[in-house]
N, C-alpha and C. Protein backbone atom coordinates (compact mmCIF):
# COMPACT_ATOMS: atom_id res chain seq x y z
N UNK A 1 3.89 -14.45 -4.48
CA UNK A 1 3.60 -15.25 -5.83
C UNK A 1 3.28 -13.26 -6.53
N UNK A 2 4.49 -13.28 -7.28
CA UNK A 2 4.35 -12.10 -8.10
C UNK A 2 3.42 -12.55 -9.63
N UNK A 3 2.85 -11.25 -10.05
CA UNK A 3 2.27 -11.74 -11.49
C UNK A 3 2.65 -10.63 -12.19
N UNK A 4 2.59 -11.16 -13.58
CA UNK A 4 2.73 -9.83 -14.89
C UNK A 4 2.79 -8.33 -14.43
N UNK A 5 1.12 -8.23 -14.09
CA UNK A 5 0.86 -7.30 -13.90
C UNK A 5 1.71 -6.28 -13.18
N UNK A 6 1.56 -6.68 -11.58
CA UNK A 6 2.64 -5.61 -10.85
C UNK A 6 3.91 -6.18 -11.24
N UNK A 7 4.47 -6.96 -11.27
CA UNK A 7 6.15 -6.76 -12.56
C UNK A 7 6.07 -5.95 -13.22
N UNK A 8 5.10 -5.77 -14.22
CA UNK A 8 5.04 -4.27 -15.19
C UNK A 8 5.25 -3.33 -14.42
N UNK A 9 4.26 -2.74 -13.40
CA UNK A 9 4.20 -1.42 -13.03
C UNK A 9 6.07 -1.26 -12.22
N UNK A 10 6.25 -2.48 -11.51
CA UNK A 10 6.89 -2.29 -10.29
C UNK A 10 8.44 -1.73 -11.39
N UNK A 11 8.68 -2.63 -12.27
CA UNK A 11 9.49 -1.79 -13.78
C UNK A 11 9.51 -0.76 -14.13
N UNK A 12 8.06 0.00 -14.68
CA UNK A 12 7.99 0.95 -14.87
C UNK A 12 8.33 2.16 -14.33
N UNK A 13 7.90 2.05 -12.42
CA UNK A 13 7.89 2.58 -11.57
C UNK A 13 9.78 2.95 -11.82
N UNK A 14 10.39 1.78 -11.52
CA UNK A 14 11.79 1.78 -11.04
C UNK A 14 12.51 2.67 -12.34
N UNK A 15 12.15 2.42 -13.30
CA UNK A 15 12.21 3.41 -14.79
C UNK A 15 12.26 4.69 -14.92
N UNK A 16 11.01 4.73 -14.07
CA UNK A 16 10.67 6.34 -14.56
C UNK A 16 10.57 7.37 -12.85
N UNK A 17 11.79 6.80 -12.14
CA UNK A 17 12.09 7.68 -11.21
C UNK A 17 10.30 7.80 -10.49
N UNK A 18 9.40 6.45 -10.09
CA UNK A 18 8.08 6.37 -9.45
C UNK A 18 7.04 7.02 -10.66
N UNK A 19 7.12 7.21 -11.59
CA UNK A 19 6.05 7.60 -12.31
C UNK A 19 5.58 6.55 -12.94
N UNK A 20 4.10 5.75 -13.31
CA UNK A 20 4.16 4.81 -14.02
C UNK A 20 2.78 5.56 -15.32
N UNK A 21 2.13 4.80 -16.03
CA UNK A 21 1.11 5.45 -16.92
C UNK A 21 -0.06 4.77 -16.62
N UNK A 22 -0.98 3.98 -17.64
CA UNK A 22 -1.80 3.48 -17.44
C UNK A 22 -2.78 3.20 -16.40
N UNK A 23 -3.43 2.37 -15.98
CA UNK A 23 -4.37 3.03 -15.04
C UNK A 23 -3.89 3.54 -13.54
N UNK A 24 -2.37 3.51 -13.63
CA UNK A 24 -1.91 4.31 -12.48
C UNK A 24 -1.49 5.64 -12.70
N UNK A 25 -1.47 6.49 -14.07
CA UNK A 25 -0.77 7.56 -14.09
C UNK A 25 -1.05 8.24 -13.64
N UNK A 26 -0.58 8.79 -12.88
CA UNK A 26 -0.84 10.55 -11.96
C UNK A 26 -1.07 9.82 -10.29
N UNK A 27 -1.38 8.67 -10.29
CA UNK A 27 -1.43 8.10 -9.00
C UNK A 27 -0.17 8.30 -8.24
N UNK A 28 -0.42 8.20 -6.67
CA UNK A 28 0.74 8.18 -6.45
C UNK A 28 0.89 6.82 -5.33
N UNK A 29 1.87 6.26 -5.99
CA UNK A 29 1.97 4.97 -5.85
C UNK A 29 3.42 4.52 -5.18
N UNK A 30 3.76 3.73 -3.86
CA UNK A 30 4.86 3.25 -3.43
C UNK A 30 4.81 1.69 -4.34
N UNK A 31 6.22 1.33 -3.64
CA UNK A 31 6.34 -0.05 -3.67
C UNK A 31 6.41 -0.39 -2.19
N UNK A 32 5.90 -1.33 -2.16
CA UNK A 32 6.25 -1.55 -0.65
C UNK A 32 6.54 -3.42 -0.81
N UNK A 33 7.82 -3.52 -0.16
CA UNK A 33 8.26 -4.55 -0.03
C UNK A 33 8.17 -5.26 1.59
N UNK A 34 7.67 -6.32 1.33
CA UNK A 34 7.25 -7.13 2.82
C UNK A 34 8.23 -8.05 3.15
N UNK A 35 7.98 -8.90 3.87
CA UNK A 35 8.52 -10.08 4.23
C UNK A 35 7.32 -11.08 4.13
N UNK A 36 7.59 -11.90 3.69
CA UNK A 36 6.23 -12.95 3.22
C UNK A 36 5.99 -13.59 4.87
N UNK A 37 4.82 -13.80 5.10
CA UNK A 37 4.48 -14.29 6.34
C UNK A 37 4.54 -15.67 6.26
N UNK A 38 5.01 -16.44 5.15
CA UNK A 38 4.44 -18.02 5.47
C UNK A 38 6.00 -18.45 4.63
N UNK A 39 6.10 -17.79 3.51
CA UNK A 39 7.60 -17.86 2.37
C UNK A 39 9.18 -17.37 2.92
N UNK A 40 8.71 -16.50 4.17
CA UNK A 40 9.91 -15.31 4.29
C UNK A 40 10.72 -14.86 3.32
N UNK A 41 10.20 -14.76 2.39
CA UNK A 41 11.18 -14.45 1.30
C UNK A 41 10.35 -12.70 0.72
N UNK A 42 10.77 -11.66 0.38
CA UNK A 42 11.00 -10.40 0.48
C UNK A 42 9.55 -10.17 -1.50
N UNK A 43 8.63 -9.50 -0.85
CA UNK A 43 7.56 -9.72 -2.22
C UNK A 43 7.27 -8.07 -2.11
N UNK A 44 7.47 -7.45 -3.60
CA UNK A 44 7.38 -6.11 -3.24
C UNK A 44 5.66 -6.29 -4.44
N UNK A 45 5.50 -5.16 -4.28
CA UNK A 45 3.71 -5.09 -4.50
C UNK A 45 3.59 -3.40 -4.63
N UNK A 46 2.89 -2.72 -5.69
CA UNK A 46 2.88 -1.76 -6.16
C UNK A 46 1.30 -1.25 -4.98
N UNK A 47 1.17 -0.07 -4.44
CA UNK A 47 0.11 0.24 -3.49
C UNK A 47 0.26 1.66 -3.51
N UNK A 48 -1.38 2.34 -3.80
CA UNK A 48 -1.78 3.89 -3.46
C UNK A 48 -1.20 3.87 -2.30
N UNK A 49 -1.10 5.35 -1.93
CA UNK A 49 -0.46 5.93 -0.77
C UNK A 49 -1.58 7.17 -0.39
N UNK A 50 -1.49 7.07 0.31
CA UNK A 50 -2.56 8.81 0.80
C UNK A 50 -1.45 9.87 1.92
N UNK A 51 -0.49 10.76 1.82
CA UNK A 51 0.44 11.41 2.53
C UNK A 51 -0.36 12.11 3.84
N UNK A 52 0.30 11.96 4.91
CA UNK A 52 -0.34 11.95 6.44
C UNK A 52 0.55 12.84 7.78
N UNK A 53 1.19 13.69 6.78
CA UNK A 53 2.22 14.65 7.62
C UNK A 53 3.35 13.59 7.22
N UNK A 54 4.26 13.14 7.76
CA UNK A 54 5.46 12.45 7.22
C UNK A 54 5.37 10.95 7.50
N UNK A 55 3.70 10.17 7.44
CA UNK A 55 3.44 8.97 7.03
C UNK A 55 2.90 9.12 5.63
N UNK A 56 3.55 7.66 5.17
CA UNK A 56 2.35 7.30 3.75
C UNK A 56 1.51 6.09 4.48
N UNK A 57 0.18 6.69 4.66
CA UNK A 57 -1.36 5.75 4.59
C UNK A 57 -1.32 4.53 3.25
N UNK A 58 -1.64 3.48 3.66
CA UNK A 58 -1.97 2.88 2.79
C UNK A 58 -3.01 1.56 3.28
N UNK A 59 -3.75 1.37 2.22
CA UNK A 59 -5.26 0.95 2.45
C UNK A 59 -5.13 -0.61 1.92
N UNK A 60 -5.58 -1.47 2.86
CA UNK A 60 -5.31 -3.23 2.01
C UNK A 60 -6.83 -3.33 1.83
N UNK A 61 -6.99 -2.60 0.45
CA UNK A 61 -8.77 -2.96 0.07
C UNK A 61 -8.40 -3.94 -0.80
N UNK A 62 -7.66 -4.31 -1.65
CA UNK A 62 -7.30 -5.65 -2.24
C UNK A 62 -9.15 -5.31 -3.12
N UNK A 63 -9.07 -4.63 -3.81
CA UNK A 63 -9.68 -3.96 -5.11
C UNK A 63 -10.90 -4.49 -4.47
N UNK A 64 -11.37 -4.40 -3.20
CA UNK A 64 -12.98 -4.81 -2.57
C UNK A 64 -12.89 -6.32 -2.46
N UNK A 65 -11.77 -7.34 -2.64
CA UNK A 65 -12.50 -8.49 -2.42
C UNK A 65 -12.79 -8.93 -0.94
N UNK A 66 -13.04 -9.96 -0.37
CA UNK A 66 -13.54 -10.32 0.82
C UNK A 66 -12.31 -10.86 1.37
N UNK A 67 -11.46 -11.08 1.02
CA UNK A 67 -9.64 -11.16 1.92
C UNK A 67 -8.92 -9.98 1.66
N UNK A 68 -7.67 -9.83 2.67
CA UNK A 68 -7.33 -8.94 2.77
C UNK A 68 -5.67 -9.41 1.82
N UNK A 69 -4.97 -8.29 1.33
CA UNK A 69 -4.23 -8.65 0.40
C UNK A 69 -2.95 -9.21 1.25
N UNK A 70 -1.78 -9.90 0.40
CA UNK A 70 -0.74 -10.98 1.24
C UNK A 70 -0.07 -9.61 1.80
N UNK A 71 0.00 -8.73 1.59
CA UNK A 71 0.93 -7.58 2.19
C UNK A 71 0.76 -7.35 3.17
N UNK A 72 -1.08 -7.37 3.35
CA UNK A 72 -1.08 -7.04 4.88
C UNK A 72 -1.27 -8.16 5.73
N UNK A 73 -1.37 -9.01 5.53
CA UNK A 73 -0.55 -10.17 6.14
C UNK A 73 0.94 -10.51 6.35
N UNK A 74 1.64 -10.17 5.29
CA UNK A 74 2.87 -9.74 5.89
C UNK A 74 3.06 -8.85 6.71
N UNK A 75 2.80 -7.72 7.27
CA UNK A 75 2.84 -6.60 7.70
C UNK A 75 2.69 -7.15 9.13
N UNK A 76 1.49 -7.43 8.96
CA UNK A 76 1.13 -8.40 10.52
C UNK A 76 1.96 -9.31 11.05
N UNK A 77 2.91 -9.86 10.50
CA UNK A 77 3.58 -11.09 11.00
C UNK A 77 5.12 -10.20 11.06
N UNK A 78 5.14 -9.29 10.11
CA UNK A 78 6.74 -8.86 10.34
C UNK A 78 6.24 -7.30 9.85
N UNK A 79 6.25 -6.47 10.97
CA UNK A 79 5.50 -4.92 10.62
C UNK A 79 6.72 -4.10 10.16
N UNK A 80 7.90 -4.56 9.43
CA UNK A 80 9.00 -3.50 8.89
C UNK A 80 8.85 -3.92 7.51
N UNK A 81 8.98 -2.78 6.87
CA UNK A 81 8.88 -3.00 5.34
C UNK A 81 9.91 -2.03 4.46
N UNK A 82 10.41 -2.30 3.66
CA UNK A 82 10.80 -1.61 2.50
C UNK A 82 9.89 -0.53 1.79
N UNK A 83 10.29 0.94 1.54
CA UNK A 83 9.25 1.77 0.46
C UNK A 83 10.12 2.50 -0.20
N UNK A 84 9.83 2.27 -1.12
CA UNK A 84 10.15 3.11 -2.29
C UNK A 84 9.30 3.58 -3.09
N UNK A 85 9.09 5.43 -3.30
CA UNK A 85 8.38 6.46 -3.40
C UNK A 85 9.28 7.58 -4.44
N UNK A 86 8.76 7.69 -5.57
CA UNK A 86 9.89 8.49 -6.00
C UNK A 86 10.99 7.49 -6.40
N UNK A 87 11.75 8.24 -6.12
CA UNK A 87 13.64 7.86 -6.07
C UNK A 87 13.91 7.64 -5.11
N UNK A 88 13.19 7.36 -3.55
CA UNK A 88 13.64 7.13 -2.70
C UNK A 88 13.49 5.67 -1.98
N UNK A 89 13.91 5.57 -1.10
CA UNK A 89 13.64 4.04 -0.75
C UNK A 89 14.37 4.18 0.70
N UNK A 90 13.55 3.63 1.80
CA UNK A 90 13.67 3.80 3.05
C UNK A 90 13.12 2.11 3.53
N UNK A 91 13.37 2.28 5.06
CA UNK A 91 13.06 1.23 6.08
C UNK A 91 11.79 1.68 6.69
N UNK A 92 10.63 1.05 6.66
CA UNK A 92 9.27 1.96 7.72
C UNK A 92 8.90 0.89 8.08
N UNK A 93 8.47 1.12 9.47
CA UNK A 93 7.25 0.64 10.38
C UNK A 93 5.85 0.93 10.02
N UNK A 94 5.42 -0.67 10.08
CA UNK A 94 3.81 -0.40 9.83
C UNK A 94 2.94 -0.35 11.33
N UNK A 95 2.06 0.69 11.03
CA UNK A 95 1.40 0.88 12.65
C UNK A 95 -0.05 0.59 11.73
N UNK A 96 -1.14 0.02 12.47
CA UNK A 96 -2.37 -0.42 11.85
C UNK A 96 -2.93 0.63 12.64
N UNK A 97 -3.93 1.05 11.76
CA UNK A 97 -4.76 2.66 12.33
C UNK A 97 -6.19 1.92 11.99
N UNK A 98 -6.66 2.20 13.50
CA UNK A 98 -7.79 1.85 14.15
C UNK A 98 -9.06 3.08 14.18
N UNK A 99 -10.25 2.63 14.36
CA UNK A 99 -11.19 3.52 15.24
C UNK A 99 -11.45 4.63 14.01
N UNK A 100 -12.07 6.21 14.50
CA UNK A 100 -11.74 7.01 14.09
C UNK A 100 -10.92 7.71 13.44
N UNK A 101 -9.69 6.89 13.40
CA UNK A 101 -8.64 7.97 12.94
C UNK A 101 -8.79 6.55 11.50
N UNK A 102 -9.37 5.81 11.83
CA UNK A 102 -9.02 4.63 10.15
C UNK A 102 -9.91 5.41 9.66
N UNK A 103 -11.00 5.87 9.96
CA UNK A 103 -12.03 6.12 9.15
C UNK A 103 -12.17 7.46 8.40
N UNK A 104 -11.13 8.53 8.91
CA UNK A 104 -10.87 9.42 8.74
C UNK A 104 -9.80 9.76 7.69
N UNK A 105 -8.94 8.83 7.96
CA UNK A 105 -8.10 8.51 6.88
C UNK A 105 -8.61 7.41 5.78
N UNK A 106 -9.37 6.88 5.84
CA UNK A 106 -9.99 6.52 4.70
C UNK A 106 -10.90 7.08 3.63
N UNK A 107 -11.58 8.19 4.54
CA UNK A 107 -12.55 8.94 3.71
C UNK A 107 -11.10 10.12 2.73
N UNK A 108 -10.16 10.57 3.20
CA UNK A 108 -9.48 11.04 2.44
C UNK A 108 -8.57 10.38 1.48
N UNK A 109 -8.59 9.12 1.89
CA UNK A 109 -8.03 8.40 0.21
C UNK A 109 -8.85 8.01 -0.62
N UNK A 110 -10.73 8.29 0.39
CA UNK A 110 -11.57 8.16 -1.14
C UNK A 110 -11.86 9.05 -2.06
N UNK A 111 -11.35 10.71 -1.14
CA UNK A 111 -11.45 11.68 -2.10
C UNK A 111 -10.69 12.03 -3.00
N UNK A 112 -9.06 11.20 -2.91
CA UNK A 112 -8.25 11.17 -3.48
C UNK A 112 -7.98 10.56 -4.78
N UNK A 113 -8.78 8.87 -4.43
CA UNK A 113 -8.85 8.15 -5.48
C UNK A 113 -10.27 7.29 -5.09
N UNK A 114 -11.70 7.99 -5.97
CA UNK A 114 -12.97 7.55 -5.43
C UNK A 114 -13.33 6.42 -5.32
N UNK A 115 -12.39 5.21 -6.28
CA UNK A 115 -12.56 4.00 -6.56
C UNK A 115 -12.55 3.16 -5.10
N UNK A 116 -12.00 3.76 -4.02
CA UNK A 116 -11.86 2.81 -2.54
C UNK A 116 -13.48 3.21 -2.42
N UNK A 117 -14.14 3.89 -2.41
CA UNK A 117 -15.59 4.07 -1.77
C UNK A 117 -16.23 2.62 -2.35
N UNK A 118 -15.85 2.70 -4.08
CA UNK A 118 -16.13 1.22 -4.36
C UNK A 118 -15.68 0.06 -3.82
N UNK A 119 -14.74 -0.17 -3.35
CA UNK A 119 -13.95 -1.08 -3.05
C UNK A 119 -14.96 -1.46 -1.31
N UNK A 120 -14.75 -0.90 -0.82
CA UNK A 120 -15.69 -0.76 0.29
C UNK A 120 -17.29 -1.23 0.30
N UNK A 121 -17.95 -0.99 -0.94
CA UNK A 121 -19.25 -1.17 -0.89
C UNK A 121 -18.95 -2.80 -1.52
N UNK A 122 -18.36 -3.30 -2.38
CA UNK A 122 -18.04 -4.38 -2.78
C UNK A 122 -17.40 -5.67 -1.96
N UNK A 123 -17.59 -5.20 -0.15
CA UNK A 123 -17.02 -6.44 0.55
C UNK A 123 -17.85 -5.84 1.91
N UNK A 124 -17.97 -6.92 2.76
CA UNK A 124 -18.57 -7.19 4.00
C UNK A 124 -17.32 -6.56 4.70
N UNK A 125 -16.39 -6.95 5.08
CA UNK A 125 -15.05 -6.82 5.76
C UNK A 125 -14.26 -5.14 5.72
N UNK A 126 -14.62 -5.17 7.09
CA UNK A 126 -13.85 -3.59 7.34
C UNK A 126 -12.34 -3.81 6.61
N UNK A 127 -12.44 -2.56 5.98
CA UNK A 127 -10.70 -2.59 5.33
C UNK A 127 -9.96 -2.03 5.71
N UNK A 128 -8.53 -2.58 6.21
CA UNK A 128 -7.90 -1.91 7.13
C UNK A 128 -6.91 -0.83 6.07
N UNK A 129 -6.94 -0.15 7.39
CA UNK A 129 -5.77 1.26 7.11
C UNK A 129 -5.00 1.13 7.87
N UNK A 130 -3.27 1.10 7.17
CA UNK A 130 -1.70 0.99 7.56
C UNK A 130 -0.89 2.05 6.94
N UNK A 131 -0.81 2.50 8.24
CA UNK A 131 0.18 3.90 8.30
C UNK A 131 1.55 3.16 8.27
N UNK A 132 2.48 4.21 7.35
CA UNK A 132 4.29 3.75 6.98
C UNK A 132 4.79 4.75 7.51
N UNK A 133 5.97 4.75 8.71
CA UNK A 133 6.50 5.29 9.45
C UNK A 133 8.08 5.09 9.15
N UNK A 134 8.47 6.02 8.37
CA UNK A 134 9.91 6.12 8.40
C UNK A 134 11.04 5.74 9.53
N UNK A 135 11.81 4.91 9.70
CA UNK A 135 12.48 4.64 10.45
C UNK A 135 13.99 5.17 9.81
N UNK A 136 14.96 6.12 11.73
CA UNK A 136 15.44 6.50 11.69
C UNK A 136 16.83 5.48 10.48
N UNK A 137 17.98 6.25 10.11
CA UNK A 137 18.85 5.32 9.62
C UNK A 137 20.23 4.90 10.37
């Protein structure tokens, strides 16, 4: 279900080689296109990422809500996505990061974007961490 805010961010991202203003100005963003778990439709969502070697790490924080974001459920059902970063677009496989590695990557995201500590404090759920790995063309 597209929303106007996300649609504006997506359009600005694509028009400005991956850069956006407003609350996401300067933030590392990817456009993550997943296959809807129920609808089967392609759904694009702007998501902050953390670079970790060759991986793009995304956090299913849902701004601290008590439920996972739709894109996370979509990746659980179909762990392949299209990723847009800057002007580049590629297919990626999702890997669900657990235990100590999950904690390490979440802490790194908090260093990069302190608001993620607040998201974690707002919810009792363990916020998932997903690594997106580029697939060979």
